[in-house]
Amino acid sequence: MSPVEPPAELRERIQDELERNRRWEYRLPLYAGIALLVCAAIVVVRVVFLHV
């Protein structure tokens, strides 16, 4: 029994969605770096200005 091939339009939509997901994955390290910088800034502000 052979697998059923999706229609060309559906296959193209799936490929487009996969490409969008791949582009999102490429941006994740940038967002992680920004989040780390924000956390580091919070720690620095607490240590330097709010030491009680």
Protein backbone atom coordinates (compact mmCIF):
# COMPACT_ATOMS: atom_id res chain seq x y z
CA MET A 1 0.00 0.00 0.00
CA SER A 2 1.54 3.30 -1.07
CA PRO A 3 1.34 6.47 1.04
CA VAL A 4 -1.03 9.17 -0.07
CA GLU A 5 0.65 12.28 -1.50
CA PRO A 6 -0.86 15.60 -0.38
CA PRO A 7 -2.01 17.97 -3.12
CA ALA A 8 0.57 20.48 -4.40
CA GLU A 9 -1.19 23.42 -2.73
CA LEU A 10 -1.20 21.71 0.67
CA ARG A 11 2.43 20.65 0.26
CA GLU A 12 3.41 24.25 -0.54
CA ARG A 13 1.54 25.56 2.51
CA ILE A 14 3.32 23.03 4.71
CA GLN A 15 6.70 24.05 3.26
CA ASP A 16 5.91 27.75 3.89
CA GLU A 17 4.97 27.03 7.49
CA LEU A 18 8.15 25.03 8.03
CA GLU A 19 10.20 27.91 6.62
CA ARG A 20 8.48 30.39 8.96
CA ASN A 21 9.24 28.12 11.92
CA ARG A 22 12.87 27.85 10.83
CA ARG A 23 13.21 31.65 10.67
CA TRP A 24 11.74 31.89 14.19
CA GLU A 25 14.30 29.36 15.46
CA TYR A 26 17.13 31.48 14.06
CA ARG A 27 15.94 34.47 16.14
CA LEU A 28 15.70 32.55 19.42
CA PRO A 29 19.39 33.00 20.43
CA LEU A 30 19.02 36.76 19.96
CA TYR A 31 15.95 36.85 22.21
CA ALA A 32 17.72 34.66 24.78
CA GLY A 33 20.68 37.07 24.79
CA ILE A 34 18.38 40.05 25.32
CA ALA A 35 16.63 38.25 28.19
CA LEU A 36 19.99 37.48 29.83
CA LEU A 37 21.05 41.13 29.51
CA VAL A 38 17.81 42.28 31.14
CA CYS A 39 18.30 39.81 34.01
CA ALA A 40 21.91 40.92 34.47
CA ALA A 41 20.84 44.58 34.52
CA ILE A 42 18.25 43.82 37.20
CA VAL A 43 20.86 42.07 39.34
CA VAL A 44 23.34 44.93 38.92
CA VAL A 45 20.76 47.55 39.86
CA ARG A 46 19.71 45.59 42.94
CA VAL A 47 23.30 45.03 44.08
CA VAL A 48 24.60 48.53 43.40
CA PHE A 49 21.65 50.73 44.31
CA LEU A 50 19.54 48.68 46.70
CA HIS A 51 22.13 47.14 49.01
CA VAL A 52 20.59 47.40 52.43
